[in-house]
Amino acid sequence: MKLHLGASVEASSFADLIYAMPDREFQRVTRSTLALLAWWKVPERVEALTDCLGWAMTAQATARFESPEPAGCSTCKGRGKASFTDVMLDLGADVVAIEAKRNERLYKTAKSWLARNPASNRQAVLAHWLRCCLGLDGSVERYQDLVYQMIHRTASARRAARSRRAHVVHLLLGNDHVDEYVEASARAAELLAPNGEPHFHVIVVPTNEGRTYNDVVAALEGDCGADHVREALLMDDTIFTFGQPSIR
């Protein structure tokens, strides 16, 4: 599998990938990025994910971490921070936007996001995701009760896939808030994919603190820094323990 970071950095190895990531990704052991990387480190785990969804993993697959999608274009005139998908997995015929969560609750709704200033630009950005990326018609108010992150994640998947099959996967590394994600994903699929695509999936991977988890916590509290966490990820596989993925 080929590894990339962002729009332009190609990593020759897993070690190159995590050293290319900014230090902020390794400053808290509770960040979902850390659990995602610990899980992704073992290729068989990723293959178990694709297997349970019926996809074929090949050596030509590409995983782009922190994959960006601009928040506006010349049509909608929106301006703002790009949407960064945790992993955009390109399997050839299928493109999968993977959003990893480590016991996190759902993010804010589009209605809540729109309530912040400047409202006119936020309306334009939301219109960009819905109309320019997803080709949906109608007022943005129809979508205001959806989780805003799910909207721009879906738009990113559609843009990355182009004419291929697009998927949005919420990868839950832990058993918390599963029903909330299942319900929110079903609602997003109903409104954002009226023709059945992109496809939405919620995958649960049982995840627990491993033998060296507390060592990493202590190192961070002792200001050992991000490189210590990177080394811990590379040297062993005991920060977390993982079970087999299952579809919910």
C-alpha atoms as a PDB file:
ATOM      1  CA  MET A   1       0.000   0.000   0.000  1.00  0.00           C
ATOM      2  CA  LYS A   2       1.227   3.487  -0.844  1.00  0.00           C
ATOM      3  CA  LEU A   3       1.115   6.065   1.959  1.00  0.00           C
ATOM      4  CA  HIS A   4       0.650   9.815   1.565  1.00  0.00           C
ATOM      5  CA  LEU A   5       0.173  12.747   3.913  1.00  0.00           C
ATOM      6  CA  GLY A   6      -2.005  15.587   2.723  1.00  0.00           C
ATOM      7  CA  ALA A   7      -2.031  16.630  -0.898  1.00  0.00           C
ATOM      8  CA  SER A   8       1.626  16.199  -1.773  1.00  0.00           C
ATOM      9  CA  VAL A   9       3.791  14.253   0.706  1.00  0.00           C
ATOM     10  CA  GLU A  10       4.510  10.651  -0.265  1.00  0.00           C
ATOM     11  CA  ALA A  11       5.838   8.486   2.568  1.00  0.00           C
ATOM     12  CA  SER A  12       8.119   5.576   1.779  1.00  0.00           C
ATOM     13  CA  SER A  13       7.256   3.837   5.060  1.00  0.00           C
ATOM     14  CA  PHE A  14       4.975   4.013   8.080  1.00  0.00           C
ATOM     15  CA  ALA A  15       7.820   5.652  10.018  1.00  0.00           C
ATOM     16  CA  ASP A  16       8.175   8.346   7.354  1.00  0.00           C
ATOM     17  CA  LEU A  17       4.442   8.969   7.580  1.00  0.00           C
ATOM     18  CA  ILE A  18       4.320   9.567  11.327  1.00  0.00           C
ATOM     19  CA  TYR A  19       7.468  11.702  11.313  1.00  0.00           C
ATOM     20  CA  ALA A  20       5.936  13.840   8.557  1.00  0.00           C
ATOM     21  CA  MET A  21       2.862  14.481  10.714  1.00  0.00           C
ATOM     22  CA  PRO A  22       2.878  17.605  12.898  1.00  0.00           C
ATOM     23  CA  ASP A  23       3.787  17.228  16.578  1.00  0.00           C
ATOM     24  CA  ARG A  24       0.307  18.267  17.691  1.00  0.00           C
ATOM     25  CA  GLU A  25      -1.017  14.881  16.549  1.00  0.00           C
ATOM     26  CA  PHE A  26       1.083  13.199  19.247  1.00  0.00           C
ATOM     27  CA  GLN A  27       0.628  15.520  22.215  1.00  0.00           C
ATOM     28  CA  ARG A  28      -2.360  13.729  23.755  1.00  0.00           C
ATOM     29  CA  VAL A  29      -2.786   9.990  24.021  1.00  0.00           C
ATOM     30  CA  THR A  30      -6.573  10.441  23.793  1.00  0.00           C
ATOM     31  CA  ARG A  31      -6.448  11.833  20.250  1.00  0.00           C
ATOM     32  CA  SER A  32      -8.172   9.561  17.773  1.00  0.00           C
ATOM     33  CA  THR A  33      -5.179   9.986  15.428  1.00  0.00           C
ATOM     34  CA  LEU A  34      -2.949   8.010  17.796  1.00  0.00           C
ATOM     35  CA  ALA A  35      -5.341   5.067  18.028  1.00  0.00           C
ATOM     36  CA  LEU A  36      -5.898   5.149  14.263  1.00  0.00           C
ATOM     37  CA  LEU A  37      -2.173   5.030  13.538  1.00  0.00           C
ATOM     38  CA  ALA A  38      -1.615   2.246  16.086  1.00  0.00           C
ATOM     39  CA  TRP A  39      -4.381   0.247  14.403  1.00  0.00           C
ATOM     40  CA  TRP A  40      -3.242   1.037  10.831  1.00  0.00           C
ATOM     41  CA  LYS A  41       0.344   0.005  11.563  1.00  0.00           C
ATOM     42  CA  VAL A  42      -0.531  -3.668  11.078  1.00  0.00           C
ATOM     43  CA  PRO A  43      -1.605  -4.306   7.446  1.00  0.00           C
ATOM     44  CA  GLU A  44      -3.731  -7.303   8.413  1.00  0.00           C
ATOM     45  CA  ARG A  45      -6.003  -5.016  10.405  1.00  0.00           C
ATOM     46  CA  VAL A  46      -6.686  -2.818   7.392  1.00  0.00           C
ATOM     47  CA  GLU A  47      -7.285  -5.908   5.280  1.00  0.00           C
ATOM     48  CA  ALA A  48      -9.786  -7.141   7.883  1.00  0.00           C
ATOM     49  CA  LEU A  49     -11.656  -3.861   7.456  1.00  0.00           C
ATOM     50  CA  THR A  50     -11.828  -4.132   3.681  1.00  0.00           C
ATOM     51  CA  ASP A  51     -12.669  -7.843   3.903  1.00  0.00           C
ATOM     52  CA  CYS A  52     -15.674  -7.265   6.146  1.00  0.00           C
ATOM     53  CA  LEU A  53     -16.988  -4.720   3.641  1.00  0.00           C
ATOM     54  CA  GLY A  54     -16.365  -6.978   0.670  1.00  0.00           C
ATOM     55  CA  TRP A  55     -13.547  -5.004  -0.949  1.00  0.00           C
ATOM     56  CA  ALA A  56     -10.259  -6.277  -2.322  1.00  0.00           C
ATOM     57  CA  MET A  57      -7.044  -4.804  -0.929  1.00  0.00           C
ATOM     58  CA  THR A  58      -4.223  -4.651  -3.473  1.00  0.00           C
ATOM     59  CA  ALA A  59      -0.612  -3.508  -3.430  1.00  0.00           C
ATOM     60  CA  GLN A  60      -1.691  -0.599  -5.626  1.00  0.00           C
ATOM     61  CA  ALA A  61      -4.030   0.809  -2.973  1.00  0.00           C
ATOM     62  CA  THR A  62      -3.253   4.307  -1.725  1.00  0.00           C
ATOM     63  CA  ALA A  63      -3.966   5.660   1.753  1.00  0.00           C
ATOM     64  CA  ARG A  64      -3.855   9.441   1.960  1.00  0.00           C
ATOM     65  CA  PHE A  65      -3.854  10.644   5.577  1.00  0.00           C
ATOM     66  CA  GLU A  66      -5.279  14.103   6.324  1.00  0.00           C
ATOM     67  CA  SER A  67      -6.604  14.339   2.786  1.00  0.00           C
ATOM     68  CA  PRO A  68      -7.729  17.930   2.062  1.00  0.00           C
ATOM     69  CA  GLU A  69     -10.744  19.144   0.111  1.00  0.00           C
ATOM     70  CA  PRO A  70     -11.158  22.932  -0.415  1.00  0.00           C
ATOM     71  CA  ALA A  71     -14.168  24.538   1.263  1.00  0.00           C
ATOM     72  CA  GLY A  72     -15.127  26.669  -1.727  1.00  0.00           C
ATOM     73  CA  CYS A  73     -14.839  27.223  -5.457  1.00  0.00           C
ATOM     74  CA  SER A  74     -15.437  29.927  -8.046  1.00  0.00           C
ATOM     75  CA  THR A  75     -19.116  28.991  -8.256  1.00  0.00           C
ATOM     76  CA  CYS A  76     -20.137  29.248  -4.598  1.00  0.00           C
ATOM     77  CA  LYS A  77     -17.521  31.838  -3.504  1.00  0.00           C
ATOM     78  CA  GLY A  78     -17.160  30.193  -0.099  1.00  0.00           C
ATOM     79  CA  ARG A  79     -13.980  30.669   1.910  1.00  0.00           C
ATOM     80  CA  GLY A  80     -12.699  28.681   4.857  1.00  0.00           C
ATOM     81  CA  LYS A  81     -10.610  25.830   6.176  1.00  0.00           C
ATOM     82  CA  ALA A  82     -10.438  22.774   3.959  1.00  0.00           C
ATOM     83  CA  SER A  83     -12.051  19.519   5.027  1.00  0.00           C
ATOM     84  CA  PHE A  84      -9.377  17.059   6.158  1.00  0.00           C
ATOM     85  CA  THR A  85     -10.403  13.411   5.958  1.00  0.00           C
ATOM     86  CA  ASP A  86      -8.478  11.170   8.371  1.00  0.00           C
ATOM     87  CA  VAL A  87      -7.738   8.671   5.582  1.00  0.00           C
ATOM     88  CA  MET A  88      -8.856   8.694   1.963  1.00  0.00           C
ATOM     89  CA  LEU A  89      -8.350   5.095   0.891  1.00  0.00           C
ATOM     90  CA  ASP A  90      -8.177   4.567  -2.876  1.00  0.00           C
ATOM     91  CA  LEU A  91      -8.831   0.940  -3.810  1.00  0.00           C
ATOM     92  CA  GLY A  92      -9.174   1.523  -7.532  1.00  0.00           C
ATOM     93  CA  ALA A  93     -12.873   0.974  -8.197  1.00  0.00           C
ATOM     94  CA  ASP A  94     -13.790   2.222  -4.699  1.00  0.00           C
ATOM     95  CA  VAL A  95     -12.709   5.334  -2.830  1.00  0.00           C
ATOM     96  CA  VAL A  96     -13.301   5.343   0.914  1.00  0.00           C
ATOM     97  CA  ALA A  97     -13.318   8.373   3.199  1.00  0.00           C
ATOM     98  CA  ILE A  98     -12.439   7.043   6.666  1.00  0.00           C
ATOM     99  CA  GLU A  99     -13.212   9.121   9.742  1.00  0.00           C
ATOM    100  CA  ALA A 100     -11.743   7.588  12.901  1.00  0.00           C
ATOM    101  CA  LYS A 101     -13.255   8.218  16.333  1.00  0.00           C
ATOM    102  CA  ARG A 102     -11.871   7.139  19.683  1.00  0.00           C
ATOM    103  CA  ASN A 103     -14.862   7.324  22.034  1.00  0.00           C
ATOM    104  CA  GLU A 104     -15.854  10.776  20.697  1.00  0.00           C
ATOM    105  CA  ARG A 105     -19.420  12.030  20.614  1.00  0.00           C
ATOM    106  CA  LEU A 106     -20.958  13.380  17.435  1.00  0.00           C
ATOM    107  CA  TYR A 107     -19.810  16.823  16.340  1.00  0.00           C
ATOM    108  CA  LYS A 108     -22.127  19.830  15.980  1.00  0.00           C
ATOM    109  CA  THR A 109     -24.972  20.002  13.485  1.00  0.00           C
ATOM    110  CA  ALA A 110     -24.925  22.200  10.403  1.00  0.00           C
ATOM    111  CA  LYS A 111     -27.512  24.420  12.085  1.00  0.00           C
ATOM    112  CA  SER A 112     -25.203  25.017  15.040  1.00  0.00           C
ATOM    113  CA  TRP A 113     -22.236  25.618  12.736  1.00  0.00           C
ATOM    114  CA  LEU A 114     -24.198  28.110  10.633  1.00  0.00           C
ATOM    115  CA  ALA A 115     -25.159  30.116  13.709  1.00  0.00           C
ATOM    116  CA  ARG A 116     -21.602  31.417  14.077  1.00  0.00           C
ATOM    117  CA  ASN A 117     -20.353  34.469  12.187  1.00  0.00           C
ATOM    118  CA  PRO A 118     -19.835  35.293   9.406  1.00  0.00           C
ATOM    119  CA  ALA A 119     -23.146  33.621   8.565  1.00  0.00           C
ATOM    120  CA  SER A 120     -23.191  34.589   4.863  1.00  0.00           C
ATOM    121  CA  ASN A 121     -19.848  32.920   4.161  1.00  0.00           C
ATOM    122  CA  ARG A 122     -20.860  29.804   6.103  1.00  0.00           C
ATOM    123  CA  GLN A 123     -23.988  29.581   3.973  1.00  0.00           C
ATOM    124  CA  ALA A 124     -21.756  29.720   0.884  1.00  0.00           C
ATOM    125  CA  VAL A 125     -19.437  27.003   2.237  1.00  0.00           C
ATOM    126  CA  LEU A 126     -22.356  24.727   3.078  1.00  0.00           C
ATOM    127  CA  ALA A 127     -23.779  25.339  -0.396  1.00  0.00           C
ATOM    128  CA  HIS A 128     -20.392  24.354  -1.826  1.00  0.00           C
ATOM    129  CA  TRP A 129     -20.458  20.977  -0.100  1.00  0.00           C
ATOM    130  CA  LEU A 130     -24.088  20.299  -0.976  1.00  0.00           C
ATOM    131  CA  ARG A 131     -24.415  21.694  -4.478  1.00  0.00           C
ATOM    132  CA  CYS A 132     -20.946  21.954  -5.996  1.00  0.00           C
ATOM    133  CA  CYS A 133     -19.601  18.673  -4.575  1.00  0.00           C
ATOM    134  CA  LEU A 134     -22.681  16.506  -4.100  1.00  0.00           C
ATOM    135  CA  GLY A 135     -24.959  17.952  -6.796  1.00  0.00           C
ATOM    136  CA  LEU A 136     -27.905  18.349  -4.417  1.00  0.00           C
ATOM    137  CA  ASP A 137     -30.673  20.844  -5.058  1.00  0.00           C
ATOM    138  CA  GLY A 138     -32.889  22.756  -2.695  1.00  0.00           C
ATOM    139  CA  SER A 139     -32.414  24.959   0.321  1.00  0.00           C
ATOM    140  CA  VAL A 140     -29.529  24.317   2.707  1.00  0.00           C
ATOM    141  CA  GLU A 141     -32.086  24.407   5.537  1.00  0.00           C
ATOM    142  CA  ARG A 142     -33.145  20.907   4.570  1.00  0.00           C
ATOM    143  CA  TYR A 143     -29.765  19.608   5.743  1.00  0.00           C
ATOM    144  CA  GLN A 144     -29.266  21.723   8.853  1.00  0.00           C
ATOM    145  CA  ASP A 145     -29.958  18.910  11.328  1.00  0.00           C
ATOM    146  CA  LEU A 146     -27.210  16.713   9.884  1.00  0.00           C
ATOM    147  CA  VAL A 147     -23.807  16.543  11.552  1.00  0.00           C
ATOM    148  CA  TYR A 148     -21.798  19.197   9.732  1.00  0.00           C
ATOM    149  CA  GLN A 149     -18.648  17.060   9.646  1.00  0.00           C
ATOM    150  CA  MET A 150     -20.588  14.272   7.948  1.00  0.00           C
ATOM    151  CA  ILE A 151     -21.653  16.687   5.228  1.00  0.00           C
ATOM    152  CA  HIS A 152     -18.176  17.799   4.279  1.00  0.00           C
ATOM    153  CA  ARG A 153     -16.766  14.299   4.731  1.00  0.00           C
ATOM    154  CA  THR A 154     -19.363  13.000   2.261  1.00  0.00           C
ATOM    155  CA  ALA A 155     -18.573  15.828  -0.146  1.00  0.00           C
ATOM    156  CA  SER A 156     -14.868  15.006   0.083  1.00  0.00           C
ATOM    157  CA  ALA A 157     -15.525  11.327  -0.668  1.00  0.00           C
ATOM    158  CA  ARG A 158     -17.611  12.201  -3.706  1.00  0.00           C
ATOM    159  CA  ARG A 159     -15.001  14.601  -5.081  1.00  0.00           C
ATOM    160  CA  ALA A 160     -12.138  12.150  -4.540  1.00  0.00           C
ATOM    161  CA  ALA A 161     -14.028   9.304  -6.187  1.00  0.00           C
ATOM    162  CA  ARG A 162     -15.171  11.307  -9.222  1.00  0.00           C
ATOM    163  CA  SER A 163     -16.886   8.691 -11.401  1.00  0.00           C
ATOM    164  CA  ARG A 164     -15.968   5.741  -9.161  1.00  0.00           C
ATOM    165  CA  ARG A 165     -17.861   4.280  -6.197  1.00  0.00           C
ATOM    166  CA  ALA A 166     -17.625   6.484  -3.111  1.00  0.00           C
ATOM    167  CA  HIS A 167     -17.973   5.414   0.519  1.00  0.00           C
ATOM    168  CA  VAL A 168     -17.980   7.133   3.894  1.00  0.00           C
ATOM    169  CA  VAL A 169     -16.780   4.970   6.790  1.00  0.00           C
ATOM    170  CA  HIS A 170     -16.977   6.002  10.415  1.00  0.00           C
ATOM    171  CA  LEU A 171     -14.363   3.827  12.083  1.00  0.00           C
ATOM    172  CA  LEU A 172     -15.184   3.694  15.786  1.00  0.00           C
ATOM    173  CA  LEU A 173     -12.158   2.621  17.805  1.00  0.00           C
ATOM    174  CA  GLY A 174     -14.113   1.723  20.913  1.00  0.00           C
ATOM    175  CA  ASN A 175     -17.697   0.942  21.821  1.00  0.00           C
ATOM    176  CA  ASP A 176     -18.896   4.361  22.984  1.00  0.00           C
ATOM    177  CA  HIS A 177     -21.677   6.271  21.178  1.00  0.00           C
ATOM    178  CA  VAL A 178     -22.086   3.591  18.518  1.00  0.00           C
ATOM    179  CA  ASP A 179     -25.865   3.971  18.248  1.00  0.00           C
ATOM    180  CA  GLU A 180     -25.500   7.734  17.797  1.00  0.00           C
ATOM    181  CA  TYR A 181     -23.175   7.260  14.827  1.00  0.00           C
ATOM    182  CA  VAL A 182     -25.391   4.593  13.281  1.00  0.00           C
ATOM    183  CA  GLU A 183     -28.429   6.851  13.516  1.00  0.00           C
ATOM    184  CA  ALA A 184     -26.600   9.946  12.250  1.00  0.00           C
ATOM    185  CA  SER A 185     -25.046   8.025   9.345  1.00  0.00           C
ATOM    186  CA  ALA A 186     -28.424   6.631   8.336  1.00  0.00           C
ATOM    187  CA  ARG A 187     -29.893  10.133   8.320  1.00  0.00           C
ATOM    188  CA  ALA A 188     -26.933  11.456   6.318  1.00  0.00           C
ATOM    189  CA  ALA A 189     -27.341   8.637   3.785  1.00  0.00           C
ATOM    190  CA  GLU A 190     -31.043   9.459   3.426  1.00  0.00           C
ATOM    191  CA  LEU A 191     -30.443  13.133   2.633  1.00  0.00           C
ATOM    192  CA  LEU A 192     -26.967  13.228   1.088  1.00  0.00           C
ATOM    193  CA  ALA A 193     -27.165  10.074  -1.011  1.00  0.00           C
ATOM    194  CA  PRO A 194     -30.722   9.949  -2.376  1.00  0.00           C
ATOM    195  CA  ASN A 195     -29.554   7.754  -5.272  1.00  0.00           C
ATOM    196  CA  GLY A 196     -27.685   5.358  -2.997  1.00  0.00           C
ATOM    197  CA  GLU A 197     -24.197   6.826  -3.304  1.00  0.00           C
ATOM    198  CA  PRO A 198     -21.952   7.596  -1.534  1.00  0.00           C
ATOM    199  CA  HIS A 199     -22.431   4.506   0.595  1.00  0.00           C
ATOM    200  CA  PHE A 200     -22.295   4.896   4.388  1.00  0.00           C
ATOM    201  CA  HIS A 201     -20.803   2.390   6.818  1.00  0.00           C
ATOM    202  CA  VAL A 202     -20.220   2.362  10.572  1.00  0.00           C
ATOM    203  CA  ILE A 203     -17.453  -0.027  11.599  1.00  0.00           C
ATOM    204  CA  VAL A 204     -16.692  -0.809  15.243  1.00  0.00           C
ATOM    205  CA  VAL A 205     -13.255  -2.044  16.302  1.00  0.00           C
ATOM    206  CA  PRO A 206     -13.100  -3.097  19.985  1.00  0.00           C
ATOM    207  CA  THR A 207     -10.233  -1.028  21.389  1.00  0.00           C
ATOM    208  CA  ASN A 208      -8.664  -1.058  24.844  1.00  0.00           C
ATOM    209  CA  GLU A 209      -5.670   0.474  26.563  1.00  0.00           C
ATOM    210  CA  GLY A 210      -2.671  -1.795  26.161  1.00  0.00           C
ATOM    211  CA  ARG A 211       0.309  -2.674  28.325  1.00  0.00           C
ATOM    212  CA  THR A 212       2.314   0.469  27.482  1.00  0.00           C
ATOM    213  CA  TYR A 213      -0.591   2.931  27.384  1.00  0.00           C
ATOM    214  CA  ASN A 214       0.132   4.350  30.840  1.00  0.00           C
ATOM    215  CA  ASP A 215       3.839   4.607  29.986  1.00  0.00           C
ATOM    216  CA  VAL A 216       2.958   6.872  27.063  1.00  0.00           C
ATOM    217  CA  VAL A 217       0.637   8.943  29.273  1.00  0.00           C
ATOM    218  CA  ALA A 218       3.414   9.368  31.856  1.00  0.00           C
ATOM    219  CA  ALA A 219       5.915  10.331  29.159  1.00  0.00           C
ATOM    220  CA  LEU A 220       3.597  13.016  27.806  1.00  0.00           C
ATOM    221  CA  GLU A 221       2.919  14.369  31.280  1.00  0.00           C
ATOM    222  CA  GLY A 222       6.679  14.474  31.781  1.00  0.00           C
ATOM    223  CA  ASP A 223       7.115  16.556  28.624  1.00  0.00           C
ATOM    224  CA  CYS A 224       9.004  13.852  26.755  1.00  0.00           C
ATOM    225  CA  GLY A 225       7.499  15.185  23.549  1.00  0.00           C
ATOM    226  CA  ALA A 226       5.936  13.969  20.341  1.00  0.00           C
ATOM    227  CA  ASP A 227       8.967  11.982  19.195  1.00  0.00           C
ATOM    228  CA  HIS A 228       8.670   9.733  22.245  1.00  0.00           C
ATOM    229  CA  VAL A 229       5.138   8.846  21.175  1.00  0.00           C
ATOM    230  CA  ARG A 230       6.274   8.276  17.609  1.00  0.00           C
ATOM    231  CA  GLU A 231       8.963   5.891  18.872  1.00  0.00           C
ATOM    232  CA  ALA A 232       6.430   4.086  21.017  1.00  0.00           C
ATOM    233  CA  LEU A 233       4.235   3.578  17.967  1.00  0.00           C
ATOM    234  CA  LEU A 234       7.134   2.208  15.962  1.00  0.00           C
ATOM    235  CA  MET A 235       8.827   0.059  18.600  1.00  0.00           C
ATOM    236  CA  ASP A 236       5.919  -2.023  19.834  1.00  0.00           C
ATOM    237  CA  ASP A 237       2.246  -2.774  19.357  1.00  0.00           C
ATOM    238  CA  THR A 238       1.060  -2.578  22.951  1.00  0.00           C
ATOM    239  CA  ILE A 239      -0.254   0.972  23.400  1.00  0.00           C
ATOM    240  CA  PHE A 240      -3.708  -0.335  22.445  1.00  0.00           C
ATOM    241  CA  THR A 241      -5.238  -3.745  21.889  1.00  0.00           C
ATOM    242  CA  PHE A 242      -7.695  -4.211  19.050  1.00  0.00           C
ATOM    243  CA  GLY A 243     -10.412  -6.697  18.246  1.00  0.00           C
ATOM    244  CA  GLN A 244     -11.903  -7.614  14.886  1.00  0.00           C
ATOM    245  CA  PRO A 245     -13.920  -4.971  13.007  1.00  0.00           C
ATOM    246  CA  SER A 246     -17.646  -5.462  12.647  1.00  0.00           C
ATOM    247  CA  ILE A 247     -20.341  -3.641  10.666  1.00  0.00           C
ATOM    248  CA  ARG A 248     -23.094  -1.876  12.567  1.00  0.00           C
END
